[in-house]
């Protein structure tokens, strides 16, 4: 009786071991199938993450260095072209800054030429003088209206050292303050800036 019980237990243990072995084989088969369906796992990943050789790293760095050098050279060339263009534009601005003014003066020059030609056969000096006065008036008006040029300085004006250059001084008993006794050369302003001081004789109160 005891022998039969022992045999039964042995058979049950063997069956259990066979079942566990079968389960293990099934799990291994599933794992193999998963690896086959997923090429990115296992050995594929290891190949992708494979480190570059020293030679490959050097080649990559040399290529990167060449690309950076090429970009630098291109930018340097662009900057040099820009600098040359700016210098040329600046020089052109300087060279032709007065082109507009000179163009406006041509009419006055033409009128002076006509007056000179007319003076050769003129018998009346007054007509020549009147013609010159007309040219002068038109020229001054053009410079005032278009360019903001303003002439100043006349006898009786109060002396201003910022605008007048005193050539000499004379005492006057009637003078109560320094005034212009005589204007030798008119002064001119470009808008509010003095571009030529008037040269004058100054009348001062007698001490």
C-alpha atoms as a PDB file:
ATOM      1  CA  UNK A   1       0.000   0.000   0.000  1.00  0.00           C
ATOM      2  CA  UNK A   2       2.793   2.383   0.912  1.00  0.00           C
ATOM      3  CA  UNK A   3       4.649   1.449  -2.264  1.00  0.00           C
ATOM      4  CA  UNK A   4       1.627   2.371  -4.464  1.00  0.00           C
ATOM      5  CA  UNK A   5       1.372   5.787  -2.729  1.00  0.00           C
ATOM      6  CA  UNK A   6       5.052   6.475  -3.338  1.00  0.00           C
ATOM      7  CA  UNK A   7       4.763   5.542  -7.037  1.00  0.00           C
ATOM      8  CA  UNK A   8       1.779   7.896  -7.458  1.00  0.00           C
ATOM      9  CA  UNK A   9       3.714  10.791  -5.910  1.00  0.00           C
ATOM     10  CA  UNK A  10       6.675  10.119  -8.200  1.00  0.00           C
ATOM     11  CA  UNK A  11       4.444  10.113 -11.286  1.00  0.00           C
ATOM     12  CA  UNK A  12       2.772  13.409 -10.248  1.00  0.00           C
ATOM     13  CA  UNK A  13       6.178  15.058  -9.712  1.00  0.00           C
ATOM     14  CA  UNK A  14       7.401  13.933 -13.132  1.00  0.00           C
ATOM     15  CA  UNK A  15       4.255  15.246 -14.792  1.00  0.00           C
ATOM     16  CA  UNK A  16       4.707  18.613 -13.052  1.00  0.00           C
ATOM     17  CA  UNK A  17       8.294  18.851 -14.261  1.00  0.00           C
ATOM     18  CA  UNK A  18       7.264  18.064 -17.840  1.00  0.00           C
ATOM     19  CA  UNK A  19       4.584  20.772 -17.716  1.00  0.00           C
ATOM     20  CA  UNK A  20       7.070  23.365 -16.410  1.00  0.00           C
ATOM     21  CA  UNK A  21       9.530  22.480 -19.184  1.00  0.00           C
ATOM     22  CA  UNK A  22       6.827  22.908 -21.803  1.00  0.00           C
ATOM     23  CA  UNK A  23       5.912  26.339 -20.423  1.00  0.00           C
ATOM     24  CA  UNK A  24       9.552  27.380 -20.498  1.00  0.00           C
ATOM     25  CA  UNK A  25       9.899  26.361 -24.145  1.00  0.00           C
ATOM     26  CA  UNK A  26       6.738  28.276 -25.035  1.00  0.00           C
ATOM     27  CA  UNK A  27       8.081  31.443 -23.356  1.00  0.00           C
ATOM     28  CA  UNK A  28      11.392  31.161 -25.184  1.00  0.00           C
ATOM     29  CA  UNK A  29       9.541  30.769 -28.500  1.00  0.00           C
ATOM     30  CA  UNK A  30       7.472  33.878 -27.816  1.00  0.00           C
ATOM     31  CA  UNK A  31      10.578  35.877 -26.954  1.00  0.00           C
ATOM     32  CA  UNK A  32      12.286  34.778 -30.153  1.00  0.00           C
ATOM     33  CA  UNK A  33       9.224  35.763 -32.166  1.00  0.00           C
ATOM     34  CA  UNK A  34       9.160  39.188 -30.518  1.00  0.00           C
ATOM     35  CA  UNK A  35      12.825  39.741 -31.417  1.00  0.00           C
ATOM     36  CA  UNK A  36      12.119  38.724 -35.004  1.00  0.00           C
ATOM     37  CA  UNK A  37       9.136  41.085 -35.275  1.00  0.00           C
ATOM     38  CA  UNK A  38      11.119  43.985 -33.662  1.00  0.00           C
ATOM     39  CA  UNK A  39      14.336  44.510 -35.684  1.00  0.00           C
ATOM     40  CA  UNK A  40      15.109  47.650 -33.698  1.00  0.00           C
ATOM     41  CA  UNK A  41      15.743  45.654 -30.544  1.00  0.00           C
ATOM     42  CA  UNK A  42      18.642  43.356 -29.686  1.00  0.00           C
ATOM     43  CA  UNK A  43      21.619  43.377 -32.001  1.00  0.00           C
ATOM     44  CA  UNK A  44      20.146  46.094 -34.282  1.00  0.00           C
ATOM     45  CA  UNK A  45      20.264  48.681 -31.489  1.00  0.00           C
ATOM     46  CA  UNK A  46      23.809  47.743 -30.636  1.00  0.00           C
ATOM     47  CA  UNK A  47      24.857  48.298 -34.263  1.00  0.00           C
ATOM     48  CA  UNK A  48      23.155  51.706 -34.367  1.00  0.00           C
ATOM     49  CA  UNK A  49      24.869  52.825 -31.181  1.00  0.00           C
ATOM     50  CA  UNK A  50      28.213  51.647 -32.390  1.00  0.00           C
ATOM     51  CA  UNK A  51      30.883  54.252 -31.622  1.00  0.00           C
ATOM     52  CA  UNK A  52      32.830  55.946 -34.430  1.00  0.00           C
ATOM     53  CA  UNK A  53      36.440  55.019 -34.927  1.00  0.00           C
ATOM     54  CA  UNK A  54      39.113  57.683 -34.279  1.00  0.00           C
ATOM     55  CA  UNK A  55      39.620  58.040 -38.032  1.00  0.00           C
ATOM     56  CA  UNK A  56      35.898  58.633 -38.581  1.00  0.00           C
ATOM     57  CA  UNK A  57      35.806  61.223 -35.781  1.00  0.00           C
ATOM     58  CA  UNK A  58      38.790  63.051 -37.293  1.00  0.00           C
ATOM     59  CA  UNK A  59      37.138  63.054 -40.730  1.00  0.00           C
ATOM     60  CA  UNK A  60      33.897  64.456 -39.273  1.00  0.00           C
ATOM     61  CA  UNK A  61      35.761  67.209 -37.408  1.00  0.00           C
ATOM     62  CA  UNK A  62      37.769  68.111 -40.519  1.00  0.00           C
ATOM     63  CA  UNK A  63      34.554  68.429 -42.539  1.00  0.00           C
ATOM     64  CA  UNK A  64      32.942  70.599 -39.860  1.00  0.00           C
ATOM     65  CA  UNK A  65      36.057  72.785 -39.732  1.00  0.00           C
ATOM     66  CA  UNK A  66      36.055  73.183 -43.527  1.00  0.00           C
ATOM     67  CA  UNK A  67      32.365  74.186 -43.487  1.00  0.00           C
ATOM     68  CA  UNK A  68      32.957  76.792 -40.763  1.00  0.00           C
ATOM     69  CA  UNK A  69      35.987  78.165 -42.606  1.00  0.00           C
ATOM     70  CA  UNK A  70      33.952  78.484 -45.797  1.00  0.00           C
ATOM     71  CA  UNK A  71      31.172  80.359 -43.953  1.00  0.00           C
ATOM     72  CA  UNK A  72      33.730  82.690 -42.376  1.00  0.00           C
ATOM     73  CA  UNK A  73      35.341  83.486 -45.712  1.00  0.00           C
ATOM     74  CA  UNK A  74      31.970  84.188 -47.298  1.00  0.00           C
ATOM     75  CA  UNK A  75      30.950  86.550 -44.492  1.00  0.00           C
ATOM     76  CA  UNK A  76      34.310  88.322 -44.621  1.00  0.00           C
ATOM     77  CA  UNK A  77      33.879  88.840 -48.382  1.00  0.00           C
ATOM     78  CA  UNK A  78      30.330  90.153 -47.909  1.00  0.00           C
ATOM     79  CA  UNK A  79      31.504  92.592 -45.228  1.00  0.00           C
ATOM     80  CA  UNK A  80      34.390  93.808 -47.395  1.00  0.00           C
ATOM     81  CA  UNK A  81      32.013  94.442 -50.300  1.00  0.00           C
ATOM     82  CA  UNK A  82      29.634  96.306 -47.984  1.00  0.00           C
ATOM     83  CA  UNK A  83      32.498  98.447 -46.626  1.00  0.00           C
ATOM     84  CA  UNK A  84      33.692  99.354 -50.132  1.00  0.00           C
ATOM     85  CA  UNK A  85      30.146 100.216 -51.198  1.00  0.00           C
ATOM     86  CA  UNK A  86      29.642 102.479 -48.164  1.00  0.00           C
ATOM     87  CA  UNK A  87      32.977 104.222 -48.821  1.00  0.00           C
ATOM     88  CA  UNK A  88      32.021 104.858 -52.449  1.00  0.00           C
ATOM     89  CA  UNK A  89      28.602 106.222 -51.493  1.00  0.00           C
ATOM     90  CA  UNK A  90      30.213 108.482 -48.902  1.00  0.00           C
ATOM     91  CA  UNK A  91      32.738 109.780 -51.424  1.00  0.00           C
ATOM     92  CA  UNK A  92      29.989 110.342 -54.012  1.00  0.00           C
ATOM     93  CA  UNK A  93      27.972 112.277 -51.444  1.00  0.00           C
ATOM     94  CA  UNK A  94      31.003 114.441 -50.686  1.00  0.00           C
ATOM     95  CA  UNK A  95      31.902 114.970 -54.360  1.00  0.00           C
ATOM     96  CA  UNK A  96      28.391 115.856 -55.500  1.00  0.00           C
ATOM     97  CA  UNK A  97      27.028 117.496 -52.338  1.00  0.00           C
ATOM     98  CA  UNK A  98      26.934 120.906 -54.057  1.00  0.00           C
ATOM     99  CA  UNK A  99      25.578 119.673 -57.389  1.00  0.00           C
ATOM    100  CA  UNK A 100      22.109 121.086 -56.672  1.00  0.00           C
ATOM    101  CA  UNK A 101      23.424 124.502 -55.633  1.00  0.00           C
ATOM    102  CA  UNK A 102      25.755 124.726 -58.627  1.00  0.00           C
ATOM    103  CA  UNK A 103      22.907 123.797 -60.946  1.00  0.00           C
ATOM    104  CA  UNK A 104      20.795 126.627 -59.515  1.00  0.00           C
ATOM    105  CA  UNK A 105      23.673 129.084 -60.018  1.00  0.00           C
ATOM    106  CA  UNK A 106      23.905 128.342 -63.745  1.00  0.00           C
ATOM    107  CA  UNK A 107      20.998 130.670 -64.581  1.00  0.00           C
ATOM    108  CA  UNK A 108      22.768 133.552 -62.860  1.00  0.00           C
ATOM    109  CA  UNK A 109      26.004 132.741 -64.675  1.00  0.00           C
ATOM    110  CA  UNK A 110      24.143 132.718 -67.998  1.00  0.00           C
ATOM    111  CA  UNK A 111      22.618 136.110 -67.175  1.00  0.00           C
ATOM    112  CA  UNK A 112      26.038 137.537 -66.341  1.00  0.00           C
ATOM    113  CA  UNK A 113      27.363 136.274 -69.686  1.00  0.00           C
ATOM    114  CA  UNK A 114      24.485 137.997 -71.509  1.00  0.00           C
ATOM    115  CA  UNK A 115      25.110 141.224 -69.613  1.00  0.00           C
ATOM    116  CA  UNK A 116      28.806 141.168 -70.485  1.00  0.00           C
ATOM    117  CA  UNK A 117      27.983 140.605 -74.172  1.00  0.00           C
ATOM    118  CA  UNK A 118      25.469 143.444 -74.083  1.00  0.00           C
ATOM    119  CA  UNK A 119      27.981 145.765 -72.400  1.00  0.00           C
ATOM    120  CA  UNK A 120      30.296 145.567 -75.431  1.00  0.00           C
ATOM    121  CA  UNK A 121      27.917 147.607 -77.560  1.00  0.00           C
ATOM    122  CA  UNK A 122      26.064 149.458 -74.798  1.00  0.00           C
ATOM    123  CA  UNK A 123      26.109 153.264 -74.840  1.00  0.00           C
ATOM    124  CA  UNK A 124      24.196 153.661 -71.577  1.00  0.00           C
ATOM    125  CA  UNK A 125      26.040 152.483 -68.473  1.00  0.00           C
ATOM    126  CA  UNK A 126      22.877 152.747 -66.424  1.00  0.00           C
ATOM    127  CA  UNK A 127      21.184 149.954 -68.378  1.00  0.00           C
ATOM    128  CA  UNK A 128      24.146 147.704 -67.688  1.00  0.00           C
ATOM    129  CA  UNK A 129      24.048 148.555 -63.997  1.00  0.00           C
ATOM    130  CA  UNK A 130      20.304 147.913 -63.884  1.00  0.00           C
ATOM    131  CA  UNK A 131      20.828 144.523 -65.520  1.00  0.00           C
ATOM    132  CA  UNK A 132      23.459 143.571 -62.930  1.00  0.00           C
ATOM    133  CA  UNK A 133      21.181 144.672 -60.104  1.00  0.00           C
ATOM    134  CA  UNK A 134      18.385 142.439 -61.463  1.00  0.00           C
ATOM    135  CA  UNK A 135      20.730 139.452 -61.636  1.00  0.00           C
ATOM    136  CA  UNK A 136      21.948 140.103 -58.103  1.00  0.00           C
ATOM    137  CA  UNK A 137      18.399 140.433 -56.766  1.00  0.00           C
ATOM    138  CA  UNK A 138      17.288 137.166 -58.425  1.00  0.00           C
ATOM    139  CA  UNK A 139      20.378 135.347 -57.172  1.00  0.00           C
ATOM    140  CA  UNK A 140      19.948 136.517 -53.582  1.00  0.00           C
ATOM    141  CA  UNK A 141      16.253 135.617 -53.591  1.00  0.00           C
ATOM    142  CA  UNK A 142      17.003 132.115 -54.878  1.00  0.00           C
ATOM    143  CA  UNK A 143      19.652 131.531 -52.202  1.00  0.00           C
ATOM    144  CA  UNK A 144      17.376 132.849 -49.459  1.00  0.00           C
ATOM    145  CA  UNK A 145      14.238 130.958 -50.514  1.00  0.00           C
ATOM    146  CA  UNK A 146      15.787 127.654 -51.513  1.00  0.00           C
ATOM    147  CA  UNK A 147      18.868 127.351 -49.305  1.00  0.00           C
ATOM    148  CA  UNK A 148      18.093 129.498 -46.256  1.00  0.00           C
ATOM    149  CA  UNK A 149      21.021 131.883 -46.858  1.00  0.00           C
ATOM    150  CA  UNK A 150      20.547 135.191 -45.033  1.00  0.00           C
ATOM    151  CA  UNK A 151      22.726 138.276 -45.446  1.00  0.00           C
ATOM    152  CA  UNK A 152      23.112 140.758 -42.590  1.00  0.00           C
ATOM    153  CA  UNK A 153      25.017 143.860 -41.535  1.00  0.00           C
ATOM    154  CA  UNK A 154      24.052 147.465 -42.144  1.00  0.00           C
ATOM    155  CA  UNK A 155      25.005 150.806 -40.662  1.00  0.00           C
ATOM    156  CA  UNK A 156      23.276 151.559 -37.354  1.00  0.00           C
ATOM    157  CA  UNK A 157      22.889 147.928 -36.289  1.00  0.00           C
ATOM    158  CA  UNK A 158      24.028 147.090 -32.761  1.00  0.00           C
ATOM    159  CA  UNK A 159      27.471 145.504 -32.659  1.00  0.00           C
ATOM    160  CA  UNK A 160      27.425 141.777 -31.884  1.00  0.00           C
ATOM    161  CA  UNK A 161      30.841 140.092 -31.541  1.00  0.00           C
ATOM    162  CA  UNK A 162      29.244 136.723 -32.387  1.00  0.00           C
ATOM    163  CA  UNK A 163      28.196 138.044 -35.810  1.00  0.00           C
ATOM    164  CA  UNK A 164      30.501 140.975 -36.539  1.00  0.00           C
ATOM    165  CA  UNK A 165      34.261 141.226 -36.904  1.00  0.00           C
ATOM    166  CA  UNK A 166      35.455 144.675 -35.855  1.00  0.00           C
ATOM    167  CA  UNK A 167      38.075 146.042 -38.260  1.00  0.00           C
ATOM    168  CA  UNK A 168      38.361 149.235 -36.225  1.00  0.00           C
ATOM    169  CA  UNK A 169      36.652 151.387 -33.579  1.00  0.00           C
ATOM    170  CA  UNK A 170      35.805 155.081 -33.503  1.00  0.00           C
ATOM    171  CA  UNK A 171      34.471 157.167 -30.616  1.00  0.00           C
ATOM    172  CA  UNK A 172      31.272 159.169 -31.035  1.00  0.00           C
ATOM    173  CA  UNK A 173      29.867 161.608 -28.478  1.00  0.00           C
ATOM    174  CA  UNK A 174      26.311 160.852 -29.575  1.00  0.00           C
ATOM    175  CA  UNK A 175      26.691 157.071 -29.394  1.00  0.00           C
ATOM    176  CA  UNK A 176      25.047 155.430 -26.385  1.00  0.00           C
ATOM    177  CA  UNK A 177      26.135 151.895 -27.278  1.00  0.00           C
ATOM    178  CA  UNK A 178      28.370 150.159 -29.744  1.00  0.00           C
ATOM    179  CA  UNK A 179      26.867 150.284 -33.233  1.00  0.00           C
ATOM    180  CA  UNK A 180      28.039 149.708 -36.798  1.00  0.00           C
ATOM    181  CA  UNK A 181      29.482 152.878 -38.254  1.00  0.00           C
ATOM    182  CA  UNK A 182      30.374 151.268 -41.585  1.00  0.00           C
ATOM    183  CA  UNK A 183      30.035 147.823 -43.167  1.00  0.00           C
ATOM    184  CA  UNK A 184      32.990 146.785 -45.275  1.00  0.00           C
ATOM    185  CA  UNK A 185      31.767 143.267 -46.017  1.00  0.00           C
ATOM    186  CA  UNK A 186      28.334 141.828 -45.398  1.00  0.00           C
ATOM    187  CA  UNK A 187      27.954 138.762 -43.185  1.00  0.00           C
ATOM    188  CA  UNK A 188      25.968 135.654 -44.070  1.00  0.00           C
ATOM    189  CA  UNK A 189      24.093 132.998 -42.137  1.00  0.00           C
ATOM    190  CA  UNK A 190      22.966 129.607 -43.316  1.00  0.00           C
ATOM    191  CA  UNK A 191      19.674 129.459 -41.469  1.00  0.00           C
ATOM    192  CA  UNK A 192      20.824 130.168 -37.879  1.00  0.00           C
ATOM    193  CA  UNK A 193      24.537 129.415 -38.336  1.00  0.00           C
ATOM    194  CA  UNK A 194      27.016 132.180 -39.179  1.00  0.00           C
ATOM    195  CA  UNK A 195      29.097 131.100 -42.181  1.00  0.00           C
ATOM    196  CA  UNK A 196      30.824 134.489 -42.644  1.00  0.00           C
ATOM    197  CA  UNK A 197      31.163 137.286 -40.125  1.00  0.00           C
ATOM    198  CA  UNK A 198      30.480 140.816 -41.278  1.00  0.00           C
ATOM    199  CA  UNK A 199      33.559 143.019 -41.334  1.00  0.00           C
ATOM    200  CA  UNK A 200      32.654 146.383 -39.830  1.00  0.00           C
ATOM    201  CA  UNK A 201      33.809 149.652 -38.301  1.00  0.00           C
ATOM    202  CA  UNK A 202      32.343 150.032 -34.814  1.00  0.00           C
ATOM    203  CA  UNK A 203      31.111 153.294 -33.299  1.00  0.00           C
ATOM    204  CA  UNK A 204      31.594 153.365 -29.525  1.00  0.00           C
ATOM    205  CA  UNK A 205      30.491 155.920 -26.859  1.00  0.00           C
ATOM    206  CA  UNK A 206      33.140 158.505 -26.067  1.00  0.00           C
ATOM    207  CA  UNK A 207      34.789 158.015 -22.664  1.00  0.00           C
END
